[in-house]
All heavy atoms as atom14 arrays in JSON, in Angstrom:
{
  "sequence": "PLHRGDIFNLVSVFHSDAYEEGWDVYGDISELNQ",
  "atom14_mask": [
    [1, 1, 1, 1, 1, 1, 1, 0, 0, 0, 0, 0, 0, 0],
    [1, 1, 1, 1, 1, 1, 1, 1, 0, 0, 0, 0, 0, 0],
    [1, 1, 1, 1, 1, 1, 1, 1, 1, 1, 0, 0, 0, 0],
    [1, 1, 1, 1, 1, 1, 1, 1, 1, 1, 1, 0, 0, 0],
    [1, 1, 1, 1, 0, 0, 0, 0, 0, 0, 0, 0, 0, 0],
    [1, 1, 1, 1, 1, 1, 1, 1, 0, 0, 0, 0, 0, 0],
    [1, 1, 1, 1, 1, 1, 1, 1, 0, 0, 0, 0, 0, 0],
    [1, 1, 1, 1, 1, 1, 1, 1, 1, 1, 1, 0, 0, 0],
    [1, 1, 1, 1, 1, 1, 1, 1, 0, 0, 0, 0, 0, 0],
    [1, 1, 1, 1, 1, 1, 1, 1, 0, 0, 0, 0, 0, 0],
    [1, 1, 1, 1, 1, 1, 1, 0, 0, 0, 0, 0, 0, 0],
    [1, 1, 1, 1, 1, 1, 0, 0, 0, 0, 0, 0, 0, 0],
    [1, 1, 1, 1, 1, 1, 1, 0, 0, 0, 0, 0, 0, 0],
    [1, 1, 1, 1, 1, 1, 1, 1, 1, 1, 1, 0, 0, 0],
    [1, 1, 1, 1, 1, 1, 1, 1, 1, 1, 0, 0, 0, 0],
    [1, 1, 1, 1, 1, 1, 0, 0, 0, 0, 0, 0, 0, 0],
    [1, 1, 1, 1, 1, 1, 1, 1, 0, 0, 0, 0, 0, 0],
    [1, 1, 1, 1, 1, 0, 0, 0, 0, 0, 0, 0, 0, 0],
    [1, 1, 1, 1, 1, 1, 1, 1, 1, 1, 1, 1, 0, 0],
    [1, 1, 1, 1, 1, 1, 1, 1, 1, 0, 0, 0, 0, 0],
    [1, 1, 1, 1, 1, 1, 1, 1, 1, 0, 0, 0, 0, 0],
    [1, 1, 1, 1, 0, 0, 0, 0, 0, 0, 0, 0, 0, 0],
    [1, 1, 1, 1, 1, 1, 1, 1, 1, 1, 1, 1, 1, 1],
    [1, 1, 1, 1, 1, 1, 1, 1, 0, 0, 0, 0, 0, 0],
    [1, 1, 1, 1, 1, 1, 1, 0, 0, 0, 0, 0, 0, 0],
    [1, 1, 1, 1, 1, 1, 1, 1, 1, 1, 1, 1, 0, 0],
    [1, 1, 1, 1, 0, 0, 0, 0, 0, 0, 0, 0, 0, 0],
    [1, 1, 1, 1, 1, 1, 1, 1, 0, 0, 0, 0, 0, 0],
    [1, 1, 1, 1, 1, 1, 1, 1, 0, 0, 0, 0, 0, 0],
    [1, 1, 1, 1, 1, 1, 0, 0, 0, 0, 0, 0, 0, 0],
    [1, 1, 1, 1, 1, 1, 1, 1, 1, 0, 0, 0, 0, 0],
    [1, 1, 1, 1, 1, 1, 1, 1, 0, 0, 0, 0, 0, 0],
    [1, 1, 1, 1, 1, 1, 1, 1, 0, 0, 0, 0, 0, 0],
    [1, 1, 1, 1, 1, 1, 1, 1, 1, 0, 0, 0, 0, 0]
  ],
  "atom14_positions": [
    [[279.61, 112.76, 105.39], [279.66, 114.16, 105.85], [278.29, 114.8, 105.86], [277.41, 114.47, 105.08], [280.59, 114.84, 104.84], [280.47, 113.99, 103.6], [280.22, 112.59, 104.06], [0.0, 0.0, 0.0], [0.0, 0.0, 0.0], [0.0, 0.0, 0.0], [0.0, 0.0, 0.0], [0.0, 0.0, 0.0], [0.0, 0.0, 0.0], [0.0, 0.0, 0.0]],
    [[278.13, 115.77, 106.78], [276.86, 116.46, 106.96], [277.1, 117.95, 107.19], [278.22, 118.37, 107.48], [276.13, 115.92, 108.2], [275.21, 114.72, 108.07], [274.58, 114.45, 109.43], [274.14, 114.92, 107.02], [0.0, 0.0, 0.0], [0.0, 0.0, 0.0], [0.0, 0.0, 0.0], [0.0, 0.0, 0.0], [0.0, 0.0, 0.0], [0.0, 0.0, 0.0]],
    [[276.02, 118.72, 107.13], [276.03, 120.12, 107.54], [277.15, 120.89, 106.84], [278.04, 121.48, 107.46], [276.17, 120.21, 109.06], [275.6, 121.47, 109.65], [274.34, 121.92, 109.37], [276.14, 122.38, 110.5], [274.13, 123.04, 110.03], [275.2, 123.35, 110.71], [0.0, 0.0, 0.0], [0.0, 0.0, 0.0], [0.0, 0.0, 0.0], [0.0, 0.0, 0.0]],
    [[277.09, 120.83, 105.5], [278.09, 121.48, 104.64], [279.49, 120.93, 104.86], [280.49, 121.61, 104.61], [278.04, 123.01, 104.84], [276.7, 123.64, 104.45], [276.66, 125.12, 104.77], [276.75, 125.38, 106.2], [275.71, 125.32, 107.03], [274.51, 125.02, 106.57], [275.87, 125.56, 108.31], [0.0, 0.0, 0.0], [0.0, 0.0, 0.0], [0.0, 0.0, 0.0]],
    [[279.58, 119.69, 105.37], [280.87, 119.03, 105.57], [281.51, 119.3, 106.9], [282.61, 118.81, 107.17], [0.0, 0.0, 0.0], [0.0, 0.0, 0.0], [0.0, 0.0, 0.0], [0.0, 0.0, 0.0], [0.0, 0.0, 0.0], [0.0, 0.0, 0.0], [0.0, 0.0, 0.0], [0.0, 0.0, 0.0], [0.0, 0.0, 0.0], [0.0, 0.0, 0.0]],
    [[280.83, 120.04, 107.81], [281.41, 120.38, 109.11], [281.48, 119.18, 110.05], [282.32, 119.14, 110.95], [280.6, 121.48, 109.8], [280.62, 122.78, 109.02], [281.56, 122.98, 108.22], [279.7, 123.6, 109.21], [0.0, 0.0, 0.0], [0.0, 0.0, 0.0], [0.0, 0.0, 0.0], [0.0, 0.0, 0.0], [0.0, 0.0, 0.0], [0.0, 0.0, 0.0]],
    [[280.57, 118.24, 109.89], [280.5, 117.08, 110.77], [280.29, 115.82, 109.94], [279.92, 115.9, 108.77], [279.36, 117.2, 111.81], [278.01, 117.41, 111.09], [279.63, 118.32, 112.8], [276.81, 117.48, 112.02], [0.0, 0.0, 0.0], [0.0, 0.0, 0.0], [0.0, 0.0, 0.0], [0.0, 0.0, 0.0], [0.0, 0.0, 0.0], [0.0, 0.0, 0.0]],
    [[280.55, 114.68, 110.55], [280.25, 113.39, 109.93], [279.17, 112.7, 110.74], [279.18, 112.72, 111.98], [281.5, 112.51, 109.87], [282.28, 112.64, 108.59], [282.82, 113.86, 108.21], [282.48, 111.55, 107.76], [283.53, 114.0, 107.04], [283.19, 111.67, 106.58], [283.72, 112.9, 106.21], [0.0, 0.0, 0.0], [0.0, 0.0, 0.0], [0.0, 0.0, 0.0]],
    [[278.23, 112.12, 110.03], [277.17, 111.34, 110.66], [277.61, 109.89, 110.78], [278.15, 109.31, 109.82], [275.9, 111.41, 109.8], [274.7, 110.79, 110.46], [274.31, 111.22, 111.54], [274.12, 109.78, 109.83], [0.0, 0.0, 0.0], [0.0, 0.0, 0.0], [0.0, 0.0, 0.0], [0.0, 0.0, 0.0], [0.0, 0.0, 0.0], [0.0, 0.0, 0.0]],
    [[277.43, 109.29, 111.94], [277.74, 107.89, 112.16], [276.5, 107.18, 112.66], [275.83, 107.65, 113.6], [278.85, 107.71, 113.21], [280.31, 107.88, 112.78], [280.62, 109.33, 112.43], [281.24, 107.41, 113.9], [0.0, 0.0, 0.0], [0.0, 0.0, 0.0], [0.0, 0.0, 0.0], [0.0, 0.0, 0.0], [0.0, 0.0, 0.0], [0.0, 0.0, 0.0]],
    [[276.18, 106.06, 112.04], [275.11, 105.18, 112.52], [275.65, 103.76, 112.54], [276.05, 103.23, 111.5], [273.85, 105.26, 111.64], [272.77, 104.33, 112.2], [273.32, 106.68, 111.55], [0.0, 0.0, 0.0], [0.0, 0.0, 0.0], [0.0, 0.0, 0.0], [0.0, 0.0, 0.0], [0.0, 0.0, 0.0], [0.0, 0.0, 0.0], [0.0, 0.0, 0.0]],
    [[275.69, 103.18, 113.72], [276.13, 101.79, 113.86], [274.93, 100.95, 114.27], [274.18, 101.32, 115.17], [277.25, 101.68, 114.91], [276.85, 102.26, 116.14], [0.0, 0.0, 0.0], [0.0, 0.0, 0.0], [0.0, 0.0, 0.0], [0.0, 0.0, 0.0], [0.0, 0.0, 0.0], [0.0, 0.0, 0.0], [0.0, 0.0, 0.0], [0.0, 0.0, 0.0]],
    [[274.76, 99.84, 113.57], [273.59, 98.99, 113.77], [274.05, 97.57, 114.08], [274.99, 97.06, 113.45], [272.68, 99.0, 112.52], [271.47, 98.09, 112.73], [272.22, 100.42, 112.21], [0.0, 0.0, 0.0], [0.0, 0.0, 0.0], [0.0, 0.0, 0.0], [0.0, 0.0, 0.0], [0.0, 0.0, 0.0], [0.0, 0.0, 0.0], [0.0, 0.0, 0.0]],
    [[273.4, 96.94, 115.04], [273.71, 95.54, 115.36], [272.47, 94.85, 115.88], [271.49, 95.49, 116.27], [274.86, 95.45, 116.38], [274.62, 96.21, 117.65], [274.0, 95.61, 118.74], [275.01, 97.54, 117.76], [273.78, 96.31, 119.92], [274.8, 98.25, 118.94], [274.19, 97.64, 120.02], [0.0, 0.0, 0.0], [0.0, 0.0, 0.0], [0.0, 0.0, 0.0]],
    [[272.51, 93.52, 115.87], [271.39, 92.73, 116.33], [271.47, 92.59, 117.86], [272.51, 92.22, 118.4], [271.42, 91.34, 115.7], [271.17, 91.35, 114.23], [270.74, 90.23, 113.54], [271.27, 92.32, 113.29], [270.61, 90.52, 112.25], [270.93, 91.78, 112.09], [0.0, 0.0, 0.0], [0.0, 0.0, 0.0], [0.0, 0.0, 0.0], [0.0, 0.0, 0.0]],
    [[270.37, 92.86, 118.53], [270.34, 92.76, 119.98], [268.9, 92.79, 120.46], [268.05, 93.43, 119.85], [271.12, 93.91, 120.64], [270.99, 93.87, 122.05], [0.0, 0.0, 0.0], [0.0, 0.0, 0.0], [0.0, 0.0, 0.0], [0.0, 0.0, 0.0], [0.0, 0.0, 0.0], [0.0, 0.0, 0.0], [0.0, 0.0, 0.0], [0.0, 0.0, 0.0]],
    [[268.64, 92.12, 121.57], [267.33, 92.17, 122.2], [267.32, 93.15, 123.37], [266.28, 93.34, 124.02], [266.92, 90.78, 122.71], [266.69, 89.8, 121.57], [266.21, 90.24, 120.51], [267.0, 88.6, 121.75], [0.0, 0.0, 0.0], [0.0, 0.0, 0.0], [0.0, 0.0, 0.0], [0.0, 0.0, 0.0], [0.0, 0.0, 0.0], [0.0, 0.0, 0.0]],
    [[268.46, 93.77, 123.66], [268.56, 94.71, 124.77], [268.36, 96.13, 124.25], [269.18, 96.63, 123.49], [269.92, 94.59, 125.44], [0.0, 0.0, 0.0], [0.0, 0.0, 0.0], [0.0, 0.0, 0.0], [0.0, 0.0, 0.0], [0.0, 0.0, 0.0], [0.0, 0.0, 0.0], [0.0, 0.0, 0.0], [0.0, 0.0, 0.0], [0.0, 0.0, 0.0]],
    [[267.24, 96.75, 124.64], [266.98, 98.1, 124.15], [265.99, 98.8, 125.07], [265.31, 98.17, 125.87], [266.41, 98.07, 122.73], [265.03, 97.46, 122.63], [263.88, 98.23, 122.78], [264.87, 96.1, 122.38], [262.62, 97.67, 122.7], [263.61, 95.54, 122.3], [262.5, 96.32, 122.46], [261.25, 95.76, 122.38], [0.0, 0.0, 0.0], [0.0, 0.0, 0.0]],
    [[265.96, 100.11, 124.95], [264.93, 100.94, 125.56], [264.27, 101.74, 124.46], [264.93, 102.15, 123.5], [265.53, 101.9, 126.6], [266.16, 101.22, 127.79], [266.75, 102.23, 128.76], [266.03, 103.17, 129.14], [267.93, 102.1, 129.1], [0.0, 0.0, 0.0], [0.0, 0.0, 0.0], [0.0, 0.0, 0.0], [0.0, 0.0, 0.0], [0.0, 0.0, 0.0]],
    [[262.97, 101.97, 124.59], [262.25, 102.71, 123.56], [262.56, 104.2, 123.67], [262.79, 104.72, 124.75], [260.74, 102.47, 123.7], [260.34, 101.03, 123.39], [258.88, 100.75, 123.7], [258.19, 101.67, 124.18], [258.45, 99.61, 123.48], [0.0, 0.0, 0.0], [0.0, 0.0, 0.0], [0.0, 0.0, 0.0], [0.0, 0.0, 0.0], [0.0, 0.0, 0.0]],
    [[262.58, 104.86, 122.51], [262.82, 106.3, 122.5], [264.0, 106.65, 121.62], [264.76, 105.78, 121.17], [0.0, 0.0, 0.0], [0.0, 0.0, 0.0], [0.0, 0.0, 0.0], [0.0, 0.0, 0.0], [0.0, 0.0, 0.0], [0.0, 0.0, 0.0], [0.0, 0.0, 0.0], [0.0, 0.0, 0.0], [0.0, 0.0, 0.0], [0.0, 0.0, 0.0]],
    [[264.15, 107.97, 121.39], [265.21, 108.47, 120.51], [266.38, 109.06, 121.29], [267.43, 109.29, 120.74], [264.64, 109.54, 119.58], [264.14, 109.0, 118.3], [262.99, 108.33, 118.09], [264.77, 109.07, 117.02], [262.85, 107.98, 116.76], [263.94, 108.43, 116.08], [265.96, 109.64, 116.56], [264.25, 108.33, 114.74], [266.27, 109.54, 115.22], [265.42, 108.88, 114.33]],
    [[266.21, 109.32, 122.57], [267.23, 110.02, 123.33], [267.79, 109.17, 124.46], [268.18, 109.68, 125.51], [266.67, 111.34, 123.87], [266.52, 112.38, 122.78], [267.41, 112.47, 121.93], [265.5, 113.09, 122.77], [0.0, 0.0, 0.0], [0.0, 0.0, 0.0], [0.0, 0.0, 0.0], [0.0, 0.0, 0.0], [0.0, 0.0, 0.0], [0.0, 0.0, 0.0]],
    [[267.83, 107.87, 124.24], [268.4, 106.95, 125.22], [269.87, 106.75, 124.89], [270.24, 106.62, 123.72], [267.64, 105.6, 125.18], [268.24, 104.62, 126.18], [266.16, 105.82, 125.44], [0.0, 0.0, 0.0], [0.0, 0.0, 0.0], [0.0, 0.0, 0.0], [0.0, 0.0, 0.0], [0.0, 0.0, 0.0], [0.0, 0.0, 0.0], [0.0, 0.0, 0.0]],
    [[270.7, 106.73, 125.9], [272.14, 106.54, 125.66], [272.45, 105.06, 125.45], [271.91, 104.19, 126.13], [272.95, 107.09, 126.83], [273.0, 108.6, 126.83], [272.12, 109.34, 127.62], [273.9, 109.28, 126.03], [272.16, 110.73, 127.62], [273.94, 110.67, 126.02], [273.07, 111.38, 126.81], [273.1, 112.75, 126.8], [0.0, 0.0, 0.0], [0.0, 0.0, 0.0]],
    [[273.34, 104.8, 124.5], [273.71, 103.44, 124.18], [274.82, 102.91, 125.07], [275.55, 103.66, 125.72], [0.0, 0.0, 0.0], [0.0, 0.0, 0.0], [0.0, 0.0, 0.0], [0.0, 0.0, 0.0], [0.0, 0.0, 0.0], [0.0, 0.0, 0.0], [0.0, 0.0, 0.0], [0.0, 0.0, 0.0], [0.0, 0.0, 0.0], [0.0, 0.0, 0.0]],
    [[274.96, 101.59, 125.09], [275.95, 100.88, 125.9], [277.2, 100.66, 125.04], [277.21, 99.82, 124.14], [275.36, 99.55, 126.36], [276.3, 98.76, 127.25], [277.49, 99.1, 127.32], [275.85, 97.76, 127.85], [0.0, 0.0, 0.0], [0.0, 0.0, 0.0], [0.0, 0.0, 0.0], [0.0, 0.0, 0.0], [0.0, 0.0, 0.0], [0.0, 0.0, 0.0]],
    [[278.25, 101.41, 125.32], [279.47, 101.32, 124.49], [280.1, 99.94, 124.6], [280.66, 99.43, 123.61], [280.46, 102.43, 124.9], [279.88, 103.8, 124.53], [281.82, 102.23, 124.23], [280.76, 104.97, 124.9], [0.0, 0.0, 0.0], [0.0, 0.0, 0.0], [0.0, 0.0, 0.0], [0.0, 0.0, 0.0], [0.0, 0.0, 0.0], [0.0, 0.0, 0.0]],
    [[280.03, 99.31, 125.75], [280.64, 97.99, 125.88], [279.95, 96.97, 124.99], [280.62, 96.12, 124.36], [280.59, 97.53, 127.34], [279.25, 97.39, 127.8], [0.0, 0.0, 0.0], [0.0, 0.0, 0.0], [0.0, 0.0, 0.0], [0.0, 0.0, 0.0], [0.0, 0.0, 0.0], [0.0, 0.0, 0.0], [0.0, 0.0, 0.0], [0.0, 0.0, 0.0]],
    [[278.61, 97.03, 124.88], [277.92, 96.12, 123.97], [278.25, 96.44, 122.53], [278.46, 95.53, 121.71], [276.4, 96.18, 124.17], [275.68, 95.18, 123.26], [274.17, 95.16, 123.42], [273.62, 96.1, 124.0], [273.56, 94.19, 122.93], [0.0, 0.0, 0.0], [0.0, 0.0, 0.0], [0.0, 0.0, 0.0], [0.0, 0.0, 0.0], [0.0, 0.0, 0.0]],
    [[278.32, 97.72, 122.21], [278.68, 98.12, 120.84], [280.03, 97.54, 120.45], [280.2, 96.94, 119.38], [278.71, 99.65, 120.75], [279.14, 100.24, 119.4], [278.06, 100.04, 118.36], [279.47, 101.72, 119.56], [0.0, 0.0, 0.0], [0.0, 0.0, 0.0], [0.0, 0.0, 0.0], [0.0, 0.0, 0.0], [0.0, 0.0, 0.0], [0.0, 0.0, 0.0]],
    [[281.04, 97.7, 121.31], [282.38, 97.2, 121.01], [282.4, 95.68, 120.91], [283.13, 95.11, 120.09], [283.36, 97.67, 122.09], [283.63, 99.17, 122.01], [283.53, 99.77, 120.94], [283.97, 99.77, 123.14], [0.0, 0.0, 0.0], [0.0, 0.0, 0.0], [0.0, 0.0, 0.0], [0.0, 0.0, 0.0], [0.0, 0.0, 0.0], [0.0, 0.0, 0.0]],
    [[281.59, 95.03, 121.72], [281.51, 93.57, 121.65], [280.94, 93.11, 120.31], [281.45, 92.16, 119.7], [280.64, 93.06, 122.8], [280.41, 91.55, 122.78], [279.42, 91.11, 123.85], [279.04, 91.9, 124.72], [278.99, 89.87, 123.77], [0.0, 0.0, 0.0], [0.0, 0.0, 0.0], [0.0, 0.0, 0.0], [0.0, 0.0, 0.0], [0.0, 0.0, 0.0]]
  ]
}
């Protein structure tokens, strides 16, 4: 939980060579689910 419990923070990490540099790039949900 974060922000006085109003929200939950989620970070999912996996091994992959497919990426773009930067902090505001959208992730590929299909690769995440795979």
